[in-house]
Amino acid sequence: MGIIERFFAPSPFVQLHEHAKKVHECVELIRPLADALLAEDYDKIEELHYIMSKTEHEADDIKTELRDKLAKAYFLSVGQNELSRFLAYQDDIADAAEDFAVVLLLRKTKIPEELKPGFLAFIDQVISVSEQLMDLESELSTLAEAAFTGEEAENVLKGIERIGQEEWKADRLERTFARSFYDMEDKLDPITIMFLDKYCKRLSAVSNNAEKTAKYLRLIIRKK
Protein backbone atom coordinates (compact mmCIF):
# COMPACT_ATOMS: atom_id res chain seq x y z
CA MET A 1 0.00 0.00 0.00
CA GLY A 2 1.40 3.41 -0.97
CA ILE A 3 1.64 6.38 1.36
CA ILE A 4 -1.36 8.15 -0.22
CA GLU A 5 -3.49 5.01 0.06
CA ARG A 6 -2.55 4.75 3.72
CA PHE A 7 -3.65 8.30 4.39
CA PHE A 8 -7.01 7.77 2.72
CA ALA A 9 -7.63 4.11 3.56
CA PRO A 10 -11.25 3.18 4.42
CA SER A 11 -12.28 3.79 8.01
CA PRO A 12 -11.62 0.79 10.29
CA PHE A 13 -14.83 1.44 12.20
CA VAL A 14 -17.02 -0.27 9.62
CA GLN A 15 -14.93 -3.43 9.91
CA LEU A 16 -14.90 -3.07 13.69
CA HIS A 17 -18.68 -3.25 13.59
CA GLU A 18 -18.47 -6.30 11.33
CA HIS A 19 -16.32 -7.95 13.98
CA ALA A 20 -18.89 -7.00 16.62
CA LYS A 21 -21.65 -8.66 14.60
CA LYS A 22 -19.62 -11.84 14.22
CA VAL A 23 -18.89 -11.83 17.96
CA HIS A 24 -22.59 -11.47 18.68
CA GLU A 25 -23.32 -14.43 16.39
CA CYS A 26 -21.22 -16.47 18.83
CA VAL A 27 -23.21 -15.12 21.76
CA GLU A 28 -26.54 -15.87 20.08
CA LEU A 29 -25.53 -19.54 19.85
CA ILE A 30 -25.59 -19.72 23.64
CA ARG A 31 -29.39 -19.97 23.74
CA PRO A 32 -29.75 -22.97 21.38
CA LEU A 33 -26.85 -24.62 23.21
CA ALA A 34 -28.70 -24.16 26.49
CA ASP A 35 -31.94 -25.45 24.96
CA ALA A 36 -30.10 -28.56 23.76
CA LEU A 37 -28.63 -29.06 27.24
CA LEU A 38 -32.05 -28.81 28.90
CA ALA A 39 -33.48 -31.22 26.32
CA GLU A 40 -30.52 -33.56 26.96
CA ASP A 41 -29.82 -33.49 23.22
CA TYR A 42 -26.06 -34.00 23.42
CA ASP A 43 -25.70 -34.64 19.69
CA LYS A 44 -27.15 -31.18 19.09
CA ILE A 45 -24.61 -29.74 21.51
CA GLU A 46 -21.84 -31.32 19.43
CA GLU A 47 -23.29 -29.79 16.27
CA LEU A 48 -23.69 -26.34 17.81
CA HIS A 49 -20.20 -26.46 19.28
CA TYR A 50 -18.83 -26.97 15.77
CA ILE A 51 -20.81 -23.95 14.53
CA MET A 52 -19.60 -21.91 17.51
CA SER A 53 -15.99 -22.85 16.83
CA LYS A 54 -16.32 -21.94 13.16
CA THR A 55 -17.99 -18.61 13.95
CA GLU A 56 -15.38 -17.70 16.55
CA HIS A 57 -12.65 -18.50 14.00
CA GLU A 58 -14.34 -16.17 11.52
CA ALA A 59 -14.29 -13.45 14.16
CA ASP A 60 -10.58 -14.11 14.65
CA ASP A 61 -9.99 -13.72 10.91
CA ILE A 62 -11.70 -10.32 10.93
CA LYS A 63 -9.68 -9.34 14.00
CA THR A 64 -6.38 -10.30 12.37
CA GLU A 65 -7.17 -8.48 9.15
CA LEU A 66 -8.27 -5.38 11.04
CA ARG A 67 -5.15 -5.35 13.20
CA ASP A 68 -3.02 -5.46 10.07
CA LYS A 69 -4.91 -2.49 8.68
CA LEU A 70 -4.61 -0.55 11.92
CA ALA A 71 -0.86 -1.02 11.93
CA LYS A 72 -0.67 0.71 8.53
CA ALA A 73 -3.34 3.38 8.97
CA TYR A 74 -2.89 7.12 9.47
CA PHE A 75 -5.18 10.02 10.39
CA LEU A 76 -7.43 7.98 12.68
CA SER A 77 -9.65 9.82 15.14
CA VAL A 78 -8.52 7.32 17.80
CA GLY A 79 -5.04 5.99 18.47
CA GLN A 80 -4.05 2.67 16.94
CA ASN A 81 -3.24 1.18 20.34
CA GLU A 82 -6.63 2.19 21.72
CA LEU A 83 -8.47 0.62 18.80
CA SER A 84 -6.38 -2.52 19.05
CA ARG A 85 -7.18 -2.86 22.75
CA PHE A 86 -10.87 -2.22 22.12
CA LEU A 87 -10.81 -4.95 19.48
CA ALA A 88 -9.15 -7.35 21.93
CA TYR A 89 -11.80 -6.69 24.60
CA GLN A 90 -14.52 -7.27 22.02
CA ASP A 91 -12.90 -10.52 20.92
CA ASP A 92 -12.89 -11.75 24.53
CA ILE A 93 -16.69 -11.87 24.35
CA ALA A 94 -16.57 -14.47 21.58
CA ASP A 95 -13.91 -16.44 23.44
CA ALA A 96 -16.10 -16.61 26.53
CA ALA A 97 -19.09 -17.77 24.47
CA GLU A 98 -16.98 -20.53 22.94
CA ASP A 99 -15.73 -21.52 26.41
CA PHE A 100 -19.34 -22.11 27.44
CA ALA A 101 -19.84 -24.42 24.45
CA VAL A 102 -16.67 -26.32 25.33
CA VAL A 103 -17.77 -26.89 28.93
CA LEU A 104 -21.10 -28.27 27.73
CA LEU A 105 -19.18 -30.88 25.75
CA LEU A 106 -17.24 -32.16 28.75
CA ARG A 107 -20.13 -33.85 30.54
CA LYS A 108 -23.71 -34.90 29.87
CA THR A 109 -25.08 -32.87 32.73
CA LYS A 110 -28.79 -33.10 33.55
CA ILE A 111 -30.47 -30.00 34.93
CA PRO A 112 -33.52 -30.47 37.21
CA GLU A 113 -36.78 -28.97 36.01
CA GLU A 114 -36.97 -26.49 38.87
CA LEU A 115 -33.63 -24.93 37.85
CA LYS A 116 -34.43 -24.47 34.17
CA PRO A 117 -36.40 -21.17 34.31
CA GLY A 118 -33.67 -19.42 36.29
CA PHE A 119 -30.98 -20.79 34.00
CA LEU A 120 -32.73 -19.53 30.87
CA ALA A 121 -33.51 -16.14 32.41
CA PHE A 122 -29.81 -15.69 33.20
CA ILE A 123 -28.81 -16.73 29.68
CA ASP A 124 -31.31 -14.41 27.99
CA GLN A 125 -30.01 -11.48 30.03
CA VAL A 126 -26.41 -12.28 29.11
CA ILE A 127 -27.36 -12.30 25.43
CA SER A 128 -29.21 -9.01 25.89
CA VAL A 129 -26.04 -7.31 27.19
CA SER A 130 -24.13 -8.41 24.09
CA GLU A 131 -26.98 -7.36 21.82
CA GLN A 132 -27.03 -3.85 23.25
CA LEU A 133 -23.28 -3.54 22.76
CA MET A 134 -23.65 -4.58 19.11
CA ASP A 135 -26.41 -2.00 18.59
CA LEU A 136 -24.18 0.64 20.15
CA GLU A 137 -21.33 -0.24 17.84
CA SER A 138 -23.51 0.38 14.80
CA GLU A 139 -22.91 4.05 15.64
CA LEU A 140 -19.11 3.79 15.62
CA SER A 141 -18.64 5.22 12.13
CA THR A 142 -20.84 8.21 12.93
CA LEU A 143 -19.05 8.66 16.23
CA ALA A 144 -15.67 8.58 14.48
CA GLU A 145 -16.81 11.19 11.96
CA ALA A 146 -17.67 13.41 14.93
CA ALA A 147 -14.17 12.79 16.34
CA PHE A 148 -15.73 11.04 19.36
CA THR A 149 -17.21 14.31 20.63
CA GLY A 150 -20.48 16.22 20.62
CA GLU A 151 -24.04 14.90 20.60
CA GLU A 152 -23.00 11.61 19.00
CA ALA A 153 -20.60 10.93 21.86
CA GLU A 154 -23.22 11.82 24.46
CA ASN A 155 -25.70 9.38 22.91
CA VAL A 156 -23.12 6.60 22.96
CA LEU A 157 -22.25 7.38 26.58
CA LYS A 158 -25.91 6.97 27.51
CA GLY A 159 -25.92 3.62 25.73
CA ILE A 160 -22.85 2.57 27.69
CA GLU A 161 -24.66 3.39 30.93
CA ARG A 162 -27.56 1.17 29.84
CA ILE A 163 -25.16 -1.67 29.14
CA GLY A 164 -23.81 -1.33 32.68
CA GLN A 165 -27.34 -1.56 34.06
CA GLU A 166 -28.12 -4.63 31.96
CA GLU A 167 -24.90 -6.33 33.05
CA TRP A 168 -25.87 -5.66 36.66
CA LYS A 169 -29.17 -7.44 35.99
CA ALA A 170 -27.23 -10.38 34.56
CA ASP A 171 -25.13 -10.51 37.74
CA ARG A 172 -28.26 -10.61 39.88
CA LEU A 173 -29.78 -13.42 37.81
CA GLU A 174 -26.51 -15.33 38.04
CA ARG A 175 -26.54 -15.07 41.85
CA THR A 176 -30.18 -16.13 41.98
CA PHE A 177 -29.50 -19.16 39.79
CA ALA A 178 -26.38 -20.10 41.75
CA ARG A 179 -28.22 -19.83 45.05
CA SER A 180 -30.98 -22.08 43.72
CA PHE A 181 -28.67 -24.95 42.78
CA TYR A 182 -26.53 -24.65 45.90
CA ASP A 183 -29.77 -24.88 47.90
CA MET A 184 -30.21 -28.31 46.29
CA GLU A 185 -26.94 -29.76 47.57
CA ASP A 186 -28.83 -32.60 49.23
CA LYS A 187 -30.41 -33.58 45.89
CA LEU A 188 -27.61 -32.91 43.39
CA ASP A 189 -24.34 -34.76 43.11
CA PRO A 190 -21.18 -32.66 43.62
CA ILE A 191 -20.05 -32.99 39.98
CA THR A 192 -23.35 -31.60 38.72
CA ILE A 193 -23.03 -28.65 41.09
CA MET A 194 -19.46 -28.11 39.93
CA PHE A 195 -20.55 -27.99 36.29
CA LEU A 196 -23.46 -25.67 37.01
CA ASP A 197 -20.94 -23.37 38.66
CA LYS A 198 -18.74 -23.62 35.55
CA TYR A 199 -21.70 -22.62 33.38
CA CYS A 200 -22.23 -19.57 35.58
CA LYS A 201 -18.60 -18.49 35.30
CA ARG A 202 -18.47 -18.85 31.50
CA LEU A 203 -21.77 -17.07 30.97
CA SER A 204 -20.85 -14.32 33.38
CA ALA A 205 -17.60 -13.80 31.45
CA VAL A 206 -19.64 -13.07 28.32
CA SER A 207 -21.62 -10.22 29.89
CA ASN A 208 -18.62 -8.99 31.91
CA ASN A 209 -16.50 -8.76 28.76
CA ALA A 210 -19.29 -6.93 26.94
CA GLU A 211 -19.43 -4.39 29.75
CA LYS A 212 -15.64 -4.11 29.77
CA THR A 213 -15.68 -3.36 26.04
CA ALA A 214 -18.32 -0.68 26.56
CA LYS A 215 -16.40 0.86 29.45
CA TYR A 216 -13.25 1.05 27.36
CA LEU A 217 -15.22 2.86 24.67
CA ARG A 218 -16.32 5.32 27.35
CA LEU A 219 -12.67 5.83 28.31
CA ILE A 220 -11.81 6.61 24.68
CA ILE A 221 -14.60 9.17 24.49
CA ARG A 222 -13.75 10.78 27.84
CA LYS A 223 -10.14 11.31 26.73
CA LYS A 224 -11.28 13.49 23.85
C-alpha atoms as a PDB file:
ATOM      1  CA  MET A   1       0.000   0.000   0.000  1.00  0.00           C
ATOM      2  CA  GLY A   2       1.404   3.414  -0.966  1.00  0.00           C
ATOM      3  CA  ILE A   3       1.642   6.378   1.364  1.00  0.00           C
ATOM      4  CA  ILE A   4      -1.360   8.149  -0.220  1.00  0.00           C
ATOM      5  CA  GLU A   5      -3.492   5.009   0.062  1.00  0.00           C
ATOM      6  CA  ARG A   6      -2.546   4.747   3.718  1.00  0.00           C
ATOM      7  CA  PHE A   7      -3.653   8.303   4.391  1.00  0.00           C
ATOM      8  CA  PHE A   8      -7.007   7.768   2.722  1.00  0.00           C
ATOM      9  CA  ALA A   9      -7.634   4.108   3.560  1.00  0.00           C
ATOM     10  CA  PRO A  10     -11.252   3.182   4.417  1.00  0.00           C
ATOM     11  CA  SER A  11     -12.282   3.790   8.013  1.00  0.00           C
ATOM     12  CA  PRO A  12     -11.619   0.792  10.287  1.00  0.00           C
ATOM     13  CA  PHE A  13     -14.833   1.437  12.196  1.00  0.00           C
ATOM     14  CA  VAL A  14     -17.024  -0.273   9.620  1.00  0.00           C
ATOM     15  CA  GLN A  15     -14.933  -3.434   9.907  1.00  0.00           C
ATOM     16  CA  LEU A  16     -14.903  -3.072  13.689  1.00  0.00           C
ATOM     17  CA  HIS A  17     -18.685  -3.245  13.592  1.00  0.00           C
ATOM     18  CA  GLU A  18     -18.466  -6.303  11.332  1.00  0.00           C
ATOM     19  CA  HIS A  19     -16.319  -7.954  13.979  1.00  0.00           C
ATOM     20  CA  ALA A  20     -18.893  -6.998  16.622  1.00  0.00           C
ATOM     21  CA  LYS A  21     -21.652  -8.658  14.599  1.00  0.00           C
ATOM     22  CA  LYS A  22     -19.617 -11.841  14.225  1.00  0.00           C
ATOM     23  CA  VAL A  23     -18.891 -11.831  17.965  1.00  0.00           C
ATOM     24  CA  HIS A  24     -22.593 -11.469  18.681  1.00  0.00           C
ATOM     25  CA  GLU A  25     -23.315 -14.427  16.392  1.00  0.00           C
ATOM     26  CA  CYS A  26     -21.221 -16.466  18.826  1.00  0.00           C
ATOM     27  CA  VAL A  27     -23.210 -15.124  21.763  1.00  0.00           C
ATOM     28  CA  GLU A  28     -26.543 -15.870  20.076  1.00  0.00           C
ATOM     29  CA  LEU A  29     -25.534 -19.544  19.849  1.00  0.00           C
ATOM     30  CA  ILE A  30     -25.594 -19.724  23.644  1.00  0.00           C
ATOM     31  CA  ARG A  31     -29.393 -19.974  23.741  1.00  0.00           C
ATOM     32  CA  PRO A  32     -29.747 -22.967  21.383  1.00  0.00           C
ATOM     33  CA  LEU A  33     -26.852 -24.620  23.212  1.00  0.00           C
ATOM     34  CA  ALA A  34     -28.701 -24.161  26.495  1.00  0.00           C
ATOM     35  CA  ASP A  35     -31.936 -25.447  24.959  1.00  0.00           C
ATOM     36  CA  ALA A  36     -30.097 -28.558  23.765  1.00  0.00           C
ATOM     37  CA  LEU A  37     -28.628 -29.058  27.240  1.00  0.00           C
ATOM     38  CA  LEU A  38     -32.046 -28.810  28.897  1.00  0.00           C
ATOM     39  CA  ALA A  39     -33.480 -31.224  26.319  1.00  0.00           C
ATOM     40  CA  GLU A  40     -30.523 -33.560  26.964  1.00  0.00           C
ATOM     41  CA  ASP A  41     -29.816 -33.492  23.224  1.00  0.00           C
ATOM     42  CA  TYR A  42     -26.056 -33.995  23.424  1.00  0.00           C
ATOM     43  CA  ASP A  43     -25.701 -34.636  19.691  1.00  0.00           C
ATOM     44  CA  LYS A  44     -27.154 -31.180  19.090  1.00  0.00           C
ATOM     45  CA  ILE A  45     -24.606 -29.736  21.507  1.00  0.00           C
ATOM     46  CA  GLU A  46     -21.839 -31.324  19.426  1.00  0.00           C
ATOM     47  CA  GLU A  47     -23.292 -29.793  16.272  1.00  0.00           C
ATOM     48  CA  LEU A  48     -23.694 -26.344  17.811  1.00  0.00           C
ATOM     49  CA  HIS A  49     -20.199 -26.461  19.283  1.00  0.00           C
ATOM     50  CA  TYR A  50     -18.830 -26.973  15.773  1.00  0.00           C
ATOM     51  CA  ILE A  51     -20.806 -23.949  14.529  1.00  0.00           C
ATOM     52  CA  MET A  52     -19.601 -21.915  17.514  1.00  0.00           C
ATOM     53  CA  SER A  53     -15.986 -22.847  16.834  1.00  0.00           C
ATOM     54  CA  LYS A  54     -16.323 -21.945  13.156  1.00  0.00           C
ATOM     55  CA  THR A  55     -17.990 -18.612  13.945  1.00  0.00           C
ATOM     56  CA  GLU A  56     -15.378 -17.705  16.546  1.00  0.00           C
ATOM     57  CA  HIS A  57     -12.651 -18.505  13.999  1.00  0.00           C
ATOM     58  CA  GLU A  58     -14.338 -16.174  11.519  1.00  0.00           C
ATOM     59  CA  ALA A  59     -14.294 -13.450  14.159  1.00  0.00           C
ATOM     60  CA  ASP A  60     -10.579 -14.106  14.650  1.00  0.00           C
ATOM     61  CA  ASP A  61      -9.993 -13.720  10.911  1.00  0.00           C
ATOM     62  CA  ILE A  62     -11.704 -10.323  10.928  1.00  0.00           C
ATOM     63  CA  LYS A  63      -9.684  -9.337  14.001  1.00  0.00           C
ATOM     64  CA  THR A  64      -6.376 -10.301  12.372  1.00  0.00           C
ATOM     65  CA  GLU A  65      -7.172  -8.478   9.151  1.00  0.00           C
ATOM     66  CA  LEU A  66      -8.274  -5.380  11.037  1.00  0.00           C
ATOM     67  CA  ARG A  67      -5.153  -5.347  13.200  1.00  0.00           C
ATOM     68  CA  ASP A  68      -3.015  -5.463  10.068  1.00  0.00           C
ATOM     69  CA  LYS A  69      -4.910  -2.487   8.676  1.00  0.00           C
ATOM     70  CA  LEU A  70      -4.613  -0.553  11.917  1.00  0.00           C
ATOM     71  CA  ALA A  71      -0.859  -1.015  11.932  1.00  0.00           C
ATOM     72  CA  LYS A  72      -0.672   0.714   8.532  1.00  0.00           C
ATOM     73  CA  ALA A  73      -3.344   3.382   8.971  1.00  0.00           C
ATOM     74  CA  TYR A  74      -2.891   7.120   9.472  1.00  0.00           C
ATOM     75  CA  PHE A  75      -5.177  10.020  10.389  1.00  0.00           C
ATOM     76  CA  LEU A  76      -7.425   7.976  12.681  1.00  0.00           C
ATOM     77  CA  SER A  77      -9.653   9.819  15.136  1.00  0.00           C
ATOM     78  CA  VAL A  78      -8.523   7.320  17.795  1.00  0.00           C
ATOM     79  CA  GLY A  79      -5.043   5.989  18.471  1.00  0.00           C
ATOM     80  CA  GLN A  80      -4.047   2.670  16.937  1.00  0.00           C
ATOM     81  CA  ASN A  81      -3.236   1.181  20.339  1.00  0.00           C
ATOM     82  CA  GLU A  82      -6.632   2.189  21.719  1.00  0.00           C
ATOM     83  CA  LEU A  83      -8.475   0.623  18.800  1.00  0.00           C
ATOM     84  CA  SER A  84      -6.376  -2.525  19.048  1.00  0.00           C
ATOM     85  CA  ARG A  85      -7.180  -2.865  22.748  1.00  0.00           C
ATOM     86  CA  PHE A  86     -10.866  -2.217  22.117  1.00  0.00           C
ATOM     87  CA  LEU A  87     -10.806  -4.948  19.478  1.00  0.00           C
ATOM     88  CA  ALA A  88      -9.153  -7.348  21.930  1.00  0.00           C
ATOM     89  CA  TYR A  89     -11.797  -6.694  24.599  1.00  0.00           C
ATOM     90  CA  GLN A  90     -14.519  -7.271  22.023  1.00  0.00           C
ATOM     91  CA  ASP A  91     -12.903 -10.522  20.920  1.00  0.00           C
ATOM     92  CA  ASP A  92     -12.888 -11.753  24.526  1.00  0.00           C
ATOM     93  CA  ILE A  93     -16.690 -11.874  24.348  1.00  0.00           C
ATOM     94  CA  ALA A  94     -16.573 -14.472  21.575  1.00  0.00           C
ATOM     95  CA  ASP A  95     -13.905 -16.437  23.437  1.00  0.00           C
ATOM     96  CA  ALA A  96     -16.104 -16.609  26.533  1.00  0.00           C
ATOM     97  CA  ALA A  97     -19.090 -17.774  24.471  1.00  0.00           C
ATOM     98  CA  GLU A  98     -16.982 -20.527  22.941  1.00  0.00           C
ATOM     99  CA  ASP A  99     -15.729 -21.519  26.412  1.00  0.00           C
ATOM    100  CA  PHE A 100     -19.345 -22.109  27.438  1.00  0.00           C
ATOM    101  CA  ALA A 101     -19.840 -24.420  24.451  1.00  0.00           C
ATOM    102  CA  VAL A 102     -16.665 -26.322  25.334  1.00  0.00           C
ATOM    103  CA  VAL A 103     -17.770 -26.886  28.935  1.00  0.00           C
ATOM    104  CA  LEU A 104     -21.097 -28.274  27.730  1.00  0.00           C
ATOM    105  CA  LEU A 105     -19.176 -30.879  25.748  1.00  0.00           C
ATOM    106  CA  LEU A 106     -17.243 -32.159  28.751  1.00  0.00           C
ATOM    107  CA  ARG A 107     -20.126 -33.852  30.535  1.00  0.00           C
ATOM    108  CA  LYS A 108     -23.709 -34.904  29.871  1.00  0.00           C
ATOM    109  CA  THR A 109     -25.085 -32.872  32.732  1.00  0.00           C
ATOM    110  CA  LYS A 110     -28.786 -33.104  33.551  1.00  0.00           C
ATOM    111  CA  ILE A 111     -30.465 -30.001  34.933  1.00  0.00           C
ATOM    112  CA  PRO A 112     -33.519 -30.467  37.206  1.00  0.00           C
ATOM    113  CA  GLU A 113     -36.785 -28.970  36.010  1.00  0.00           C
ATOM    114  CA  GLU A 114     -36.974 -26.490  38.875  1.00  0.00           C
ATOM    115  CA  LEU A 115     -33.633 -24.932  37.847  1.00  0.00           C
ATOM    116  CA  LYS A 116     -34.432 -24.468  34.169  1.00  0.00           C
ATOM    117  CA  PRO A 117     -36.404 -21.167  34.310  1.00  0.00           C
ATOM    118  CA  GLY A 118     -33.674 -19.423  36.290  1.00  0.00           C
ATOM    119  CA  PHE A 119     -30.980 -20.787  34.004  1.00  0.00           C
ATOM    120  CA  LEU A 120     -32.730 -19.530  30.873  1.00  0.00           C
ATOM    121  CA  ALA A 121     -33.508 -16.135  32.414  1.00  0.00           C
ATOM    122  CA  PHE A 122     -29.814 -15.689  33.199  1.00  0.00           C
ATOM    123  CA  ILE A 123     -28.815 -16.726  29.679  1.00  0.00           C
ATOM    124  CA  ASP A 124     -31.308 -14.411  27.992  1.00  0.00           C
ATOM    125  CA  GLN A 125     -30.013 -11.483  30.032  1.00  0.00           C
ATOM    126  CA  VAL A 126     -26.405 -12.282  29.108  1.00  0.00           C
ATOM    127  CA  ILE A 127     -27.364 -12.299  25.426  1.00  0.00           C
ATOM    128  CA  SER A 128     -29.213  -9.008  25.890  1.00  0.00           C
ATOM    129  CA  VAL A 129     -26.042  -7.312  27.188  1.00  0.00           C
ATOM    130  CA  SER A 130     -24.131  -8.406  24.091  1.00  0.00           C
ATOM    131  CA  GLU A 131     -26.978  -7.356  21.818  1.00  0.00           C
ATOM    132  CA  GLN A 132     -27.027  -3.853  23.254  1.00  0.00           C
ATOM    133  CA  LEU A 133     -23.279  -3.540  22.762  1.00  0.00           C
ATOM    134  CA  MET A 134     -23.653  -4.583  19.114  1.00  0.00           C
ATOM    135  CA  ASP A 135     -26.409  -2.005  18.594  1.00  0.00           C
ATOM    136  CA  LEU A 136     -24.183   0.637  20.154  1.00  0.00           C
ATOM    137  CA  GLU A 137     -21.327  -0.244  17.835  1.00  0.00           C
ATOM    138  CA  SER A 138     -23.513   0.378  14.803  1.00  0.00           C
ATOM    139  CA  GLU A 139     -22.910   4.050  15.644  1.00  0.00           C
ATOM    140  CA  LEU A 140     -19.109   3.794  15.623  1.00  0.00           C
ATOM    141  CA  SER A 141     -18.636   5.223  12.129  1.00  0.00           C
ATOM    142  CA  THR A 142     -20.845   8.215  12.934  1.00  0.00           C
ATOM    143  CA  LEU A 143     -19.050   8.656  16.230  1.00  0.00           C
ATOM    144  CA  ALA A 144     -15.667   8.581  14.477  1.00  0.00           C
ATOM    145  CA  GLU A 145     -16.814  11.192  11.961  1.00  0.00           C
ATOM    146  CA  ALA A 146     -17.675  13.413  14.929  1.00  0.00           C
ATOM    147  CA  ALA A 147     -14.171  12.785  16.345  1.00  0.00           C
ATOM    148  CA  PHE A 148     -15.728  11.038  19.364  1.00  0.00           C
ATOM    149  CA  THR A 149     -17.205  14.307  20.626  1.00  0.00           C
ATOM    150  CA  GLY A 150     -20.480  16.220  20.616  1.00  0.00           C
ATOM    151  CA  GLU A 151     -24.036  14.902  20.605  1.00  0.00           C
ATOM    152  CA  GLU A 152     -22.999  11.606  18.999  1.00  0.00           C
ATOM    153  CA  ALA A 153     -20.598  10.933  21.858  1.00  0.00           C
ATOM    154  CA  GLU A 154     -23.223  11.818  24.465  1.00  0.00           C
ATOM    155  CA  ASN A 155     -25.701   9.382  22.906  1.00  0.00           C
ATOM    156  CA  VAL A 156     -23.118   6.595  22.960  1.00  0.00           C
ATOM    157  CA  LEU A 157     -22.247   7.384  26.581  1.00  0.00           C
ATOM    158  CA  LYS A 158     -25.912   6.975  27.505  1.00  0.00           C
ATOM    159  CA  GLY A 159     -25.922   3.623  25.732  1.00  0.00           C
ATOM    160  CA  ILE A 160     -22.854   2.568  27.688  1.00  0.00           C
ATOM    161  CA  GLU A 161     -24.655   3.387  30.927  1.00  0.00           C
ATOM    162  CA  ARG A 162     -27.559   1.174  29.839  1.00  0.00           C
ATOM    163  CA  ILE A 163     -25.157  -1.675  29.145  1.00  0.00           C
ATOM    164  CA  GLY A 164     -23.810  -1.325  32.684  1.00  0.00           C
ATOM    165  CA  GLN A 165     -27.340  -1.562  34.061  1.00  0.00           C
ATOM    166  CA  GLU A 166     -28.115  -4.629  31.958  1.00  0.00           C
ATOM    167  CA  GLU A 167     -24.900  -6.330  33.046  1.00  0.00           C
ATOM    168  CA  TRP A 168     -25.873  -5.662  36.664  1.00  0.00           C
ATOM    169  CA  LYS A 169     -29.169  -7.435  35.988  1.00  0.00           C
ATOM    170  CA  ALA A 170     -27.227 -10.385  34.559  1.00  0.00           C
ATOM    171  CA  ASP A 171     -25.132 -10.510  37.735  1.00  0.00           C
ATOM    172  CA  ARG A 172     -28.262 -10.610  39.882  1.00  0.00           C
ATOM    173  CA  LEU A 173     -29.782 -13.418  37.813  1.00  0.00           C
ATOM    174  CA  GLU A 174     -26.510 -15.332  38.039  1.00  0.00           C
ATOM    175  CA  ARG A 175     -26.536 -15.073  41.849  1.00  0.00           C
ATOM    176  CA  THR A 176     -30.183 -16.133  41.978  1.00  0.00           C
ATOM    177  CA  PHE A 177     -29.502 -19.158  39.791  1.00  0.00           C
ATOM    178  CA  ALA A 178     -26.379 -20.102  41.752  1.00  0.00           C
ATOM    179  CA  ARG A 179     -28.225 -19.831  45.045  1.00  0.00           C
ATOM    180  CA  SER A 180     -30.982 -22.080  43.721  1.00  0.00           C
ATOM    181  CA  PHE A 181     -28.666 -24.946  42.776  1.00  0.00           C
ATOM    182  CA  TYR A 182     -26.534 -24.648  45.896  1.00  0.00           C
ATOM    183  CA  ASP A 183     -29.766 -24.876  47.900  1.00  0.00           C
ATOM    184  CA  MET A 184     -30.213 -28.307  46.285  1.00  0.00           C
ATOM    185  CA  GLU A 185     -26.938 -29.765  47.565  1.00  0.00           C
ATOM    186  CA  ASP A 186     -28.831 -32.599  49.233  1.00  0.00           C
ATOM    187  CA  LYS A 187     -30.407 -33.581  45.886  1.00  0.00           C
ATOM    188  CA  LEU A 188     -27.612 -32.909  43.387  1.00  0.00           C
ATOM    189  CA  ASP A 189     -24.336 -34.755  43.111  1.00  0.00           C
ATOM    190  CA  PRO A 190     -21.176 -32.660  43.620  1.00  0.00           C
ATOM    191  CA  ILE A 191     -20.052 -32.988  39.981  1.00  0.00           C
ATOM    192  CA  THR A 192     -23.345 -31.595  38.717  1.00  0.00           C
ATOM    193  CA  ILE A 193     -23.034 -28.653  41.089  1.00  0.00           C
ATOM    194  CA  MET A 194     -19.458 -28.107  39.930  1.00  0.00           C
ATOM    195  CA  PHE A 195     -20.547 -27.994  36.286  1.00  0.00           C
ATOM    196  CA  LEU A 196     -23.460 -25.671  37.012  1.00  0.00           C
ATOM    197  CA  ASP A 197     -20.944 -23.374  38.660  1.00  0.00           C
ATOM    198  CA  LYS A 198     -18.736 -23.623  35.551  1.00  0.00           C
ATOM    199  CA  TYR A 199     -21.701 -22.622  33.382  1.00  0.00           C
ATOM    200  CA  CYS A 200     -22.231 -19.568  35.575  1.00  0.00           C
ATOM    201  CA  LYS A 201     -18.603 -18.492  35.298  1.00  0.00           C
ATOM    202  CA  ARG A 202     -18.467 -18.850  31.496  1.00  0.00           C
ATOM    203  CA  LEU A 203     -21.765 -17.072  30.967  1.00  0.00           C
ATOM    204  CA  SER A 204     -20.851 -14.319  33.381  1.00  0.00           C
ATOM    205  CA  ALA A 205     -17.602 -13.800  31.455  1.00  0.00           C
ATOM    206  CA  VAL A 206     -19.644 -13.071  28.316  1.00  0.00           C
ATOM    207  CA  SER A 207     -21.618 -10.222  29.891  1.00  0.00           C
ATOM    208  CA  ASN A 208     -18.623  -8.990  31.905  1.00  0.00           C
ATOM    209  CA  ASN A 209     -16.499  -8.755  28.763  1.00  0.00           C
ATOM    210  CA  ALA A 210     -19.286  -6.933  26.938  1.00  0.00           C
ATOM    211  CA  GLU A 211     -19.433  -4.393  29.749  1.00  0.00           C
ATOM    212  CA  LYS A 212     -15.636  -4.113  29.775  1.00  0.00           C
ATOM    213  CA  THR A 213     -15.681  -3.363  26.044  1.00  0.00           C
ATOM    214  CA  ALA A 214     -18.321  -0.677  26.562  1.00  0.00           C
ATOM    215  CA  LYS A 215     -16.399   0.861  29.454  1.00  0.00           C
ATOM    216  CA  TYR A 216     -13.251   1.048  27.360  1.00  0.00           C
ATOM    217  CA  LEU A 217     -15.217   2.865  24.667  1.00  0.00           C
ATOM    218  CA  ARG A 218     -16.318   5.322  27.347  1.00  0.00           C
ATOM    219  CA  LEU A 219     -12.672   5.831  28.315  1.00  0.00           C
ATOM    220  CA  ILE A 220     -11.810   6.606  24.678  1.00  0.00           C
ATOM    221  CA  ILE A 221     -14.604   9.173  24.490  1.00  0.00           C
ATOM    222  CA  ARG A 222     -13.749  10.776  27.837  1.00  0.00           C
ATOM    223  CA  LYS A 223     -10.139  11.307  26.732  1.00  0.00           C
ATOM    224  CA  LYS A 224     -11.278  13.490  23.847  1.00  0.00           C
END
